């Protein structure tokens, strides 16, 4: 299933509110989404308030790993997030070719981890930069695509989350713009058309390699790593 919307599945926000453990890639995808999407921040605030109210109504919290105070503290943080973040500090000289559209939280992660963005060939008009590689072949990476480029039909061996940071893309008749997240499970096969007008830049969190029917594209995966 592939679905469009401002929000991730509700479980992401509930887990975040509860302080559940997330991989660095999951945490960065969610926090970047909240930074660039005003509707997502407002939704997260509502989710935190609902969770806090529910916890207040529970008399026996003995089996819970968190309590209402934790939720309300997060609620205050999300309230603060309603206001657009201050402009990020000047990009270090070592950060070459870093797109201006990257969320401040992602820039902080790149600097903290000492990541050097290396834009590598992914296909005609397509480049990628790997940011993180975790367990179960989970990968966080950036995609840059020229306007009008078509990404060949492909499937997925695991989940794929794609957050638009700049520009747009089309999946069938669904259009994704800055702040939108497309969520695709292993059963999805689709072709993507990059929108016209400006370069499209996305933050992607994927599990496992993409699945191509075309033998040539499968061979190219040896070089692209995806």
Protein backbone atom coordinates (compact mmCIF):
# COMPACT_ATOMS: atom_id res chain seq x y z
CA UNK A 1 0.00 0.00 0.00
CA UNK A 2 1.17 3.52 -0.78
CA UNK A 3 -0.59 6.45 0.80
CA UNK A 4 -0.33 10.22 0.67
CA UNK A 5 -0.79 12.65 3.49
CA UNK A 6 0.81 15.24 5.66
CA UNK A 7 1.28 12.67 8.39
CA UNK A 8 3.01 9.42 9.06
CA UNK A 9 1.00 6.59 10.58
CA UNK A 10 -0.29 7.47 14.04
CA UNK A 11 2.03 4.96 15.68
CA UNK A 12 5.04 7.14 14.86
CA UNK A 13 3.72 10.04 16.95
CA UNK A 14 2.50 7.80 19.76
CA UNK A 15 5.88 6.06 20.00
CA UNK A 16 7.66 9.42 19.96
CA UNK A 17 5.37 10.76 22.70
CA UNK A 18 5.96 7.65 24.79
CA UNK A 19 9.71 7.91 24.40
CA UNK A 20 9.88 4.60 22.58
CA UNK A 21 13.23 3.64 21.15
CA UNK A 22 13.79 4.62 17.52
CA UNK A 23 16.73 4.06 15.25
CA UNK A 24 18.75 7.17 14.34
CA UNK A 25 17.25 7.02 10.87
CA UNK A 26 13.66 6.84 12.12
CA UNK A 27 14.26 9.63 14.63
CA UNK A 28 15.78 11.90 12.00
CA UNK A 29 13.03 11.23 9.45
CA UNK A 30 10.32 12.06 12.00
CA UNK A 31 12.03 15.15 13.39
CA UNK A 32 12.76 16.47 9.90
CA UNK A 33 9.11 15.92 8.97
CA UNK A 34 7.93 17.85 12.03
CA UNK A 35 10.29 20.72 11.25
CA UNK A 36 9.26 21.25 7.63
CA UNK A 37 5.52 20.50 7.91
CA UNK A 38 3.31 22.90 9.88
CA UNK A 39 0.26 20.56 9.66
CA UNK A 40 2.36 17.67 10.99
CA UNK A 41 3.51 19.75 13.97
CA UNK A 42 -0.08 20.73 14.76
CA UNK A 43 -1.14 17.09 14.45
CA UNK A 44 1.65 15.99 16.77
CA UNK A 45 0.53 18.56 19.35
CA UNK A 46 -3.00 17.17 19.24
CA UNK A 47 -1.74 13.61 19.56
CA UNK A 48 0.37 14.53 22.59
CA UNK A 49 -2.58 16.24 24.29
CA UNK A 50 -4.87 13.31 23.64
CA UNK A 51 -2.27 10.93 25.02
CA UNK A 52 -1.79 13.06 28.10
CA UNK A 53 -5.52 13.26 28.75
CA UNK A 54 -5.86 9.50 28.40
CA UNK A 55 -3.04 8.88 30.86
CA UNK A 56 -4.57 11.24 33.39
CA UNK A 57 -7.73 9.16 33.27
CA UNK A 58 -5.91 5.90 34.00
CA UNK A 59 -5.81 5.11 37.71
CA UNK A 60 -3.33 2.24 37.61
CA UNK A 61 -0.18 3.18 35.72
CA UNK A 62 1.96 0.47 37.24
CA UNK A 63 2.77 -1.20 33.94
CA UNK A 64 3.44 1.99 31.99
CA UNK A 65 7.02 3.06 31.28
CA UNK A 66 5.99 6.72 31.18
CA UNK A 67 3.31 8.96 32.68
CA UNK A 68 1.23 12.00 31.83
CA UNK A 69 3.99 14.42 32.80
CA UNK A 70 6.16 12.95 30.06
CA UNK A 71 3.41 13.49 27.50
CA UNK A 72 2.67 17.05 28.62
CA UNK A 73 6.38 17.91 28.54
CA UNK A 74 6.47 16.71 24.96
CA UNK A 75 3.29 18.66 24.29
CA UNK A 76 5.07 21.86 25.34
CA UNK A 77 7.95 21.03 23.04
CA UNK A 78 5.56 20.52 20.12
CA UNK A 79 3.82 23.82 20.96
CA UNK A 80 7.17 25.54 20.63
CA UNK A 81 7.64 23.75 17.32
CA UNK A 82 4.55 25.47 15.91
CA UNK A 83 6.75 28.52 15.41
CA UNK A 84 9.07 28.09 12.45
CA UNK A 85 12.62 27.39 13.64
CA UNK A 86 15.26 30.10 13.64
CA UNK A 87 17.43 30.09 10.55
CA UNK A 88 20.19 27.52 10.83
CA UNK A 89 23.68 28.74 11.63
CA UNK A 90 26.02 29.35 8.76
CA UNK A 91 26.97 26.11 7.05
CA UNK A 92 30.58 25.13 7.74
CA UNK A 93 32.95 25.57 4.81
CA UNK A 94 33.53 21.80 4.84
CA UNK A 95 29.86 21.17 4.06
CA UNK A 96 30.15 21.43 0.29
CA UNK A 97 27.07 21.34 -1.93
CA UNK A 98 24.60 21.17 0.95
CA UNK A 99 21.10 22.13 -0.23
CA UNK A 100 19.58 25.12 1.59
CA UNK A 101 16.30 23.25 2.01
CA UNK A 102 17.69 20.76 4.53
CA UNK A 103 15.99 21.02 7.95
CA UNK A 104 18.13 22.48 10.74
CA UNK A 105 17.78 19.24 12.73
CA UNK A 106 19.21 17.28 9.80
CA UNK A 107 22.09 19.74 9.35
CA UNK A 108 22.90 19.33 13.05
CA UNK A 109 22.91 15.54 12.62
CA UNK A 110 25.23 15.77 9.60
CA UNK A 111 27.66 18.02 11.46
CA UNK A 112 27.51 16.03 14.71
CA UNK A 113 28.21 12.74 12.93
CA UNK A 114 30.91 14.26 10.74
CA UNK A 115 29.10 13.23 7.57
CA UNK A 116 30.51 14.56 4.30
CA UNK A 117 27.83 14.74 1.64
CA UNK A 118 29.01 12.80 -1.39
CA UNK A 119 26.53 13.10 -4.23
CA UNK A 120 26.84 9.89 -6.21
CA UNK A 121 25.28 8.83 -9.50
CA UNK A 122 21.96 7.03 -9.14
CA UNK A 123 20.63 7.34 -12.67
CA UNK A 124 20.24 9.97 -15.41
CA UNK A 125 19.37 13.22 -13.61
CA UNK A 126 19.49 11.48 -10.21
CA UNK A 127 22.05 11.67 -7.40
CA UNK A 128 22.07 10.31 -3.87
CA UNK A 129 23.99 10.97 -0.66
CA UNK A 130 24.04 8.29 2.06
CA UNK A 131 23.69 9.60 5.62
CA UNK A 132 23.30 6.53 7.81
CA UNK A 133 23.19 2.73 7.55
CA UNK A 134 21.74 0.71 10.43
CA UNK A 135 20.57 -2.76 11.34
CA UNK A 136 18.26 -4.77 9.05
CA UNK A 137 19.73 -2.83 6.12
CA UNK A 138 17.93 0.37 7.15
CA UNK A 139 19.31 3.38 5.30
CA UNK A 140 18.81 7.13 5.55
CA UNK A 141 19.76 9.02 2.43
CA UNK A 142 19.14 12.13 0.36
CA UNK A 143 17.89 12.17 -3.22
CA UNK A 144 18.38 14.99 -5.73
CA UNK A 145 16.44 14.77 -8.98
CA UNK A 146 16.29 17.15 -11.93
CA UNK A 147 12.86 18.50 -12.93
CA UNK A 148 10.91 16.19 -15.22
CA UNK A 149 13.07 13.11 -14.61
CA UNK A 150 11.30 9.73 -14.45
CA UNK A 151 12.37 7.12 -11.89
CA UNK A 152 11.86 3.65 -13.45
CA UNK A 153 9.21 1.32 -12.09
CA UNK A 154 10.42 -0.47 -8.99
CA UNK A 155 9.27 -2.37 -5.94
CA UNK A 156 10.53 -2.63 -2.37
CA UNK A 157 11.99 -5.37 -0.23
CA UNK A 158 11.06 -3.41 2.89
CA UNK A 159 9.33 -0.20 3.86
CA UNK A 160 10.17 3.09 2.16
CA UNK A 161 9.45 6.55 3.59
CA UNK A 162 10.12 9.57 1.39
CA UNK A 163 9.92 13.11 2.80
CA UNK A 164 9.90 15.95 0.27
CA UNK A 165 12.21 18.82 1.24
CA UNK A 166 12.09 20.77 -2.01
CA UNK A 167 10.20 20.57 -5.28
CA UNK A 168 7.67 17.83 -5.93
CA UNK A 169 7.09 14.42 -7.46
CA UNK A 170 4.14 12.47 -8.83
CA UNK A 171 3.24 8.88 -8.04
CA UNK A 172 0.36 8.12 -10.36
CA UNK A 173 -2.11 10.96 -9.86
CA UNK A 174 -0.82 11.80 -6.38
CA UNK A 175 1.45 14.83 -6.04
CA UNK A 176 3.87 15.21 -3.14
CA UNK A 177 5.27 18.60 -2.12
CA UNK A 178 7.50 19.92 0.67
CA UNK A 179 6.54 18.39 4.01
CA UNK A 180 4.61 15.47 2.50
CA UNK A 181 5.67 11.91 3.24
CA UNK A 182 5.00 8.98 0.92
CA UNK A 183 4.90 5.67 2.74
CA UNK A 184 5.29 2.48 0.69
CA UNK A 185 5.33 -1.10 1.94
CA UNK A 186 6.99 -4.14 0.30
CA UNK A 187 3.92 -4.83 -1.84
CA UNK A 188 4.12 -1.52 -3.71
CA UNK A 189 5.40 -1.18 -7.27
CA UNK A 190 5.41 2.28 -8.79
CA UNK A 191 7.13 4.70 -11.13
CA UNK A 192 7.87 8.23 -10.01
CA UNK A 193 7.79 11.40 -12.11
CA UNK A 194 9.70 14.40 -10.77
CA UNK A 195 7.71 17.64 -10.97
CA UNK A 196 8.64 20.45 -13.33
CA UNK A 197 10.02 23.80 -12.30
CA UNK A 198 12.72 23.05 -9.72
CA UNK A 199 15.03 20.33 -8.50
CA UNK A 200 13.37 17.81 -6.18
CA UNK A 201 15.22 16.97 -2.97
CA UNK A 202 13.96 14.25 -0.65
CA UNK A 203 15.00 12.53 2.56
CA UNK A 204 14.40 8.79 2.29
CA UNK A 205 14.40 6.03 4.89
CA UNK A 206 14.43 2.59 3.31
CA UNK A 207 14.76 -1.02 4.41
CA UNK A 208 16.60 -3.30 2.02
CA UNK A 209 17.32 -2.64 -1.64
CA UNK A 210 14.84 -1.58 -4.28
CA UNK A 211 13.45 -4.29 -6.56
CA UNK A 212 13.68 -3.80 -10.33
CA UNK A 213 12.29 -6.06 -13.04
CA UNK A 214 14.65 -4.65 -15.67
CA UNK A 215 17.89 -6.75 -15.73
CA UNK A 216 19.98 -3.68 -16.63
CA UNK A 217 18.66 -1.73 -13.65
CA UNK A 218 19.32 -4.72 -11.39
CA UNK A 219 22.91 -4.76 -12.64
CA UNK A 220 23.28 -1.04 -11.91
CA UNK A 221 22.33 -1.67 -8.28
CA UNK A 222 25.83 -3.08 -7.78
CA UNK A 223 27.13 0.45 -8.31
CA UNK A 224 24.36 2.52 -6.74
CA UNK A 225 24.02 0.47 -3.55
CA UNK A 226 20.23 0.83 -3.60
